[in-house]
């Protein structure tokens, strides 16, 4: 169990990241923008495409957001040059998403910002051989020498 001090440091790190994420020039300036960004990054493959094994509806579905709102956000990201929507050659009714270098630069910037915010107070250790289904769980350790919650 974290002490209140650990919890407070963690919240400060989240707040620092949140300020960048919700800045007007960021991809995550709205709730739907944040949802779409996180979904894309979580399904991103090294070739710049998102998961081929899942439909776009499966990737982006959320109980609080309509399909229309998600489609509008995807079109906005396409107009802004963050993604391209490609029609599936084997089935013209479906589309796939490919991220652009502009999107990847934002991901790198976000990654650097999160690392800077958290490494000040925490040491993040990824578990060895995480199962492929859920995202990797983080073990947070206070870098001041107090080892908790591994």
C-alpha atoms as a PDB file:
ATOM      1  CA  UNK A   1       0.000   0.000   0.000  1.00  0.00           C
ATOM      2  CA  UNK A   2       1.328   3.418  -0.925  1.00  0.00           C
ATOM      3  CA  UNK A   3       1.639   6.101   1.681  1.00  0.00           C
ATOM      4  CA  UNK A   4      -0.213   9.338   1.008  1.00  0.00           C
ATOM      5  CA  UNK A   5       3.129  10.919   0.040  1.00  0.00           C
ATOM      6  CA  UNK A   6       3.668   8.291  -2.690  1.00  0.00           C
ATOM      7  CA  UNK A   7       0.120   8.745  -3.899  1.00  0.00           C
ATOM      8  CA  UNK A   8       0.530  12.518  -3.995  1.00  0.00           C
ATOM      9  CA  UNK A   9       3.755  12.253  -6.048  1.00  0.00           C
ATOM     10  CA  UNK A  10       2.003   9.922  -8.463  1.00  0.00           C
ATOM     11  CA  UNK A  11      -0.930  12.352  -8.857  1.00  0.00           C
ATOM     12  CA  UNK A  12       1.513  15.210  -9.527  1.00  0.00           C
ATOM     13  CA  UNK A  13       3.089  13.151 -12.322  1.00  0.00           C
ATOM     14  CA  UNK A  14      -0.350  12.451 -13.783  1.00  0.00           C
ATOM     15  CA  UNK A  15      -1.202  16.140 -13.553  1.00  0.00           C
ATOM     16  CA  UNK A  16       1.983  17.144 -15.362  1.00  0.00           C
ATOM     17  CA  UNK A  17       1.228  14.699 -18.188  1.00  0.00           C
ATOM     18  CA  UNK A  18      -2.426  15.770 -18.268  1.00  0.00           C
ATOM     19  CA  UNK A  19      -1.465  19.427 -18.771  1.00  0.00           C
ATOM     20  CA  UNK A  20       0.478  18.543 -21.931  1.00  0.00           C
ATOM     21  CA  UNK A  21      -2.165  16.099 -23.147  1.00  0.00           C
ATOM     22  CA  UNK A  22      -4.966  18.667 -22.896  1.00  0.00           C
ATOM     23  CA  UNK A  23      -3.036  21.552 -24.420  1.00  0.00           C
ATOM     24  CA  UNK A  24      -4.821  23.047 -27.449  1.00  0.00           C
ATOM     25  CA  UNK A  25      -2.142  21.874 -29.885  1.00  0.00           C
ATOM     26  CA  UNK A  26      -2.181  18.274 -28.646  1.00  0.00           C
ATOM     27  CA  UNK A  27      -3.992  15.272 -30.062  1.00  0.00           C
ATOM     28  CA  UNK A  28      -5.768  14.643 -26.768  1.00  0.00           C
ATOM     29  CA  UNK A  29      -7.394  18.020 -26.213  1.00  0.00           C
ATOM     30  CA  UNK A  30     -10.835  16.386 -25.820  1.00  0.00           C
ATOM     31  CA  UNK A  31     -12.116  13.203 -24.169  1.00  0.00           C
ATOM     32  CA  UNK A  32     -12.828  11.635 -27.549  1.00  0.00           C
ATOM     33  CA  UNK A  33      -9.408  12.736 -28.824  1.00  0.00           C
ATOM     34  CA  UNK A  34      -7.708  11.090 -25.870  1.00  0.00           C
ATOM     35  CA  UNK A  35      -9.724   7.900 -26.369  1.00  0.00           C
ATOM     36  CA  UNK A  36      -8.892   7.679 -30.086  1.00  0.00           C
ATOM     37  CA  UNK A  37      -5.193   8.458 -29.478  1.00  0.00           C
ATOM     38  CA  UNK A  38      -4.866   5.805 -26.757  1.00  0.00           C
ATOM     39  CA  UNK A  39      -6.717   3.224 -28.887  1.00  0.00           C
ATOM     40  CA  UNK A  40      -4.452   3.885 -31.871  1.00  0.00           C
ATOM     41  CA  UNK A  41      -1.253   3.703 -29.818  1.00  0.00           C
ATOM     42  CA  UNK A  42      -2.352   0.546 -27.997  1.00  0.00           C
ATOM     43  CA  UNK A  43      -3.005  -1.255 -31.311  1.00  0.00           C
ATOM     44  CA  UNK A  44      -0.071   0.217 -33.279  1.00  0.00           C
ATOM     45  CA  UNK A  45       2.231  -2.145 -35.167  1.00  0.00           C
ATOM     46  CA  UNK A  46       5.801  -1.354 -36.298  1.00  0.00           C
ATOM     47  CA  UNK A  47       4.603  -0.892 -39.920  1.00  0.00           C
ATOM     48  CA  UNK A  48       2.459   2.089 -38.842  1.00  0.00           C
ATOM     49  CA  UNK A  49      -0.855   0.241 -39.140  1.00  0.00           C
ATOM     50  CA  UNK A  50      -3.240  -0.624 -36.370  1.00  0.00           C
ATOM     51  CA  UNK A  51      -4.357  -4.181 -35.673  1.00  0.00           C
ATOM     52  CA  UNK A  52      -5.551  -6.090 -38.732  1.00  0.00           C
ATOM     53  CA  UNK A  53      -7.152  -8.780 -36.580  1.00  0.00           C
ATOM     54  CA  UNK A  54      -9.716  -6.345 -35.169  1.00  0.00           C
ATOM     55  CA  UNK A  55     -12.240  -4.167 -36.966  1.00  0.00           C
ATOM     56  CA  UNK A  56     -12.049  -0.419 -36.405  1.00  0.00           C
ATOM     57  CA  UNK A  57     -15.301  -0.708 -34.483  1.00  0.00           C
ATOM     58  CA  UNK A  58     -13.697  -3.249 -32.120  1.00  0.00           C
ATOM     59  CA  UNK A  59     -10.643  -1.036 -31.642  1.00  0.00           C
ATOM     60  CA  UNK A  60     -12.512   2.204 -30.927  1.00  0.00           C
ATOM     61  CA  UNK A  61     -15.776   1.127 -29.307  1.00  0.00           C
ATOM     62  CA  UNK A  62     -16.546   2.835 -26.003  1.00  0.00           C
ATOM     63  CA  UNK A  63     -19.794   2.955 -24.000  1.00  0.00           C
ATOM     64  CA  UNK A  64     -19.646   6.751 -23.618  1.00  0.00           C
ATOM     65  CA  UNK A  65     -18.829   7.684 -27.238  1.00  0.00           C
ATOM     66  CA  UNK A  66     -20.991   7.211 -30.306  1.00  0.00           C
ATOM     67  CA  UNK A  67     -19.618   5.633 -33.469  1.00  0.00           C
ATOM     68  CA  UNK A  68     -20.319   8.926 -35.237  1.00  0.00           C
ATOM     69  CA  UNK A  69     -18.218  10.909 -32.753  1.00  0.00           C
ATOM     70  CA  UNK A  70     -15.328   8.483 -33.207  1.00  0.00           C
ATOM     71  CA  UNK A  71     -15.627   8.656 -37.032  1.00  0.00           C
ATOM     72  CA  UNK A  72     -15.624  12.470 -36.898  1.00  0.00           C
ATOM     73  CA  UNK A  73     -12.492  12.458 -34.743  1.00  0.00           C
ATOM     74  CA  UNK A  74     -10.777  10.030 -37.122  1.00  0.00           C
ATOM     75  CA  UNK A  75     -11.651  12.282 -40.072  1.00  0.00           C
ATOM     76  CA  UNK A  76     -10.296  15.283 -38.163  1.00  0.00           C
ATOM     77  CA  UNK A  77      -7.021  13.453 -37.493  1.00  0.00           C
ATOM     78  CA  UNK A  78      -6.865  12.548 -41.185  1.00  0.00           C
ATOM     79  CA  UNK A  79      -7.422  16.196 -42.252  1.00  0.00           C
ATOM     80  CA  UNK A  80      -4.701  17.294 -39.813  1.00  0.00           C
ATOM     81  CA  UNK A  81      -2.271  14.773 -41.318  1.00  0.00           C
ATOM     82  CA  UNK A  82      -1.907  12.454 -38.301  1.00  0.00           C
ATOM     83  CA  UNK A  83      -3.437   9.368 -39.933  1.00  0.00           C
ATOM     84  CA  UNK A  84      -4.455   8.075 -43.336  1.00  0.00           C
ATOM     85  CA  UNK A  85      -7.566   5.996 -43.880  1.00  0.00           C
ATOM     86  CA  UNK A  86      -7.056   3.294 -46.492  1.00  0.00           C
ATOM     87  CA  UNK A  87      -9.805   1.261 -48.118  1.00  0.00           C
ATOM     88  CA  UNK A  88      -9.284  -2.460 -47.647  1.00  0.00           C
ATOM     89  CA  UNK A  89      -8.319  -3.928 -51.043  1.00  0.00           C
ATOM     90  CA  UNK A  90      -9.932  -7.307 -50.317  1.00  0.00           C
ATOM     91  CA  UNK A  91     -13.157  -5.806 -48.945  1.00  0.00           C
ATOM     92  CA  UNK A  92     -13.976  -2.296 -50.153  1.00  0.00           C
ATOM     93  CA  UNK A  93     -16.514  -1.831 -47.362  1.00  0.00           C
ATOM     94  CA  UNK A  94     -13.872  -1.651 -44.636  1.00  0.00           C
ATOM     95  CA  UNK A  95     -10.985   0.673 -43.964  1.00  0.00           C
ATOM     96  CA  UNK A  96      -7.684   0.475 -42.177  1.00  0.00           C
ATOM     97  CA  UNK A  97      -5.716   3.200 -40.465  1.00  0.00           C
ATOM     98  CA  UNK A  98      -2.063   4.004 -40.980  1.00  0.00           C
ATOM     99  CA  UNK A  99      -0.356   6.591 -38.808  1.00  0.00           C
ATOM    100  CA  UNK A 100       1.884   9.234 -40.346  1.00  0.00           C
ATOM    101  CA  UNK A 101       5.303  10.480 -39.269  1.00  0.00           C
ATOM    102  CA  UNK A 102       3.514  13.469 -37.744  1.00  0.00           C
ATOM    103  CA  UNK A 103       1.555  11.121 -35.457  1.00  0.00           C
ATOM    104  CA  UNK A 104       4.694   9.132 -34.573  1.00  0.00           C
ATOM    105  CA  UNK A 105       6.477  12.378 -33.600  1.00  0.00           C
ATOM    106  CA  UNK A 106       3.614  13.154 -31.212  1.00  0.00           C
ATOM    107  CA  UNK A 107       3.887   9.652 -29.734  1.00  0.00           C
ATOM    108  CA  UNK A 108       7.649  10.116 -29.225  1.00  0.00           C
ATOM    109  CA  UNK A 109       7.053  13.506 -27.609  1.00  0.00           C
ATOM    110  CA  UNK A 110       4.344  12.064 -25.330  1.00  0.00           C
ATOM    111  CA  UNK A 111       6.596   9.133 -24.395  1.00  0.00           C
ATOM    112  CA  UNK A 112       9.475  11.493 -23.525  1.00  0.00           C
ATOM    113  CA  UNK A 113       7.167  13.703 -21.461  1.00  0.00           C
ATOM    114  CA  UNK A 114       5.773  10.752 -19.495  1.00  0.00           C
ATOM    115  CA  UNK A 115       9.255   9.351 -18.874  1.00  0.00           C
ATOM    116  CA  UNK A 116      10.497  12.731 -17.643  1.00  0.00           C
ATOM    117  CA  UNK A 117       7.495  13.182 -15.348  1.00  0.00           C
ATOM    118  CA  UNK A 118       7.669   9.728 -13.774  1.00  0.00           C
ATOM    119  CA  UNK A 119      11.402   9.137 -13.568  1.00  0.00           C
ATOM    120  CA  UNK A 120      11.707  12.098 -11.240  1.00  0.00           C
ATOM    121  CA  UNK A 121       9.866  10.183  -8.522  1.00  0.00           C
ATOM    122  CA  UNK A 122       9.484   6.587  -9.681  1.00  0.00           C
ATOM    123  CA  UNK A 123      11.381   3.743 -11.238  1.00  0.00           C
ATOM    124  CA  UNK A 124       9.128   1.865 -13.660  1.00  0.00           C
ATOM    125  CA  UNK A 125       9.937  -1.816 -14.070  1.00  0.00           C
ATOM    126  CA  UNK A 126       8.088  -3.880 -16.656  1.00  0.00           C
ATOM    127  CA  UNK A 127       7.308  -7.450 -15.699  1.00  0.00           C
ATOM    128  CA  UNK A 128       9.173 -10.091 -17.692  1.00  0.00           C
ATOM    129  CA  UNK A 129       7.161 -11.894 -20.384  1.00  0.00           C
ATOM    130  CA  UNK A 130       3.817 -10.135 -19.999  1.00  0.00           C
ATOM    131  CA  UNK A 131       0.860 -12.031 -21.405  1.00  0.00           C
ATOM    132  CA  UNK A 132      -0.171 -10.771 -24.842  1.00  0.00           C
ATOM    133  CA  UNK A 133      -3.816 -10.044 -23.990  1.00  0.00           C
ATOM    134  CA  UNK A 134      -3.692  -7.254 -21.365  1.00  0.00           C
ATOM    135  CA  UNK A 135      -1.258  -4.346 -21.532  1.00  0.00           C
ATOM    136  CA  UNK A 136       1.888  -4.733 -19.409  1.00  0.00           C
ATOM    137  CA  UNK A 137       1.430  -3.963 -15.744  1.00  0.00           C
ATOM    138  CA  UNK A 138       3.793  -1.490 -14.193  1.00  0.00           C
ATOM    139  CA  UNK A 139       5.613  -1.963 -10.945  1.00  0.00           C
ATOM    140  CA  UNK A 140       6.139   1.451  -9.405  1.00  0.00           C
ATOM    141  CA  UNK A 141       9.024   2.000  -7.059  1.00  0.00           C
ATOM    142  CA  UNK A 142       9.896   5.238  -5.308  1.00  0.00           C
ATOM    143  CA  UNK A 143      13.342   6.183  -6.545  1.00  0.00           C
ATOM    144  CA  UNK A 144      14.249   7.544  -3.116  1.00  0.00           C
ATOM    145  CA  UNK A 145      14.959   4.009  -2.000  1.00  0.00           C
ATOM    146  CA  UNK A 146      11.590   2.950  -0.586  1.00  0.00           C
ATOM    147  CA  UNK A 147      10.633  -0.160  -2.550  1.00  0.00           C
ATOM    148  CA  UNK A 148       6.902  -0.693  -2.660  1.00  0.00           C
ATOM    149  CA  UNK A 149       4.319  -2.394  -4.838  1.00  0.00           C
ATOM    150  CA  UNK A 150       6.486  -4.528  -7.092  1.00  0.00           C
END
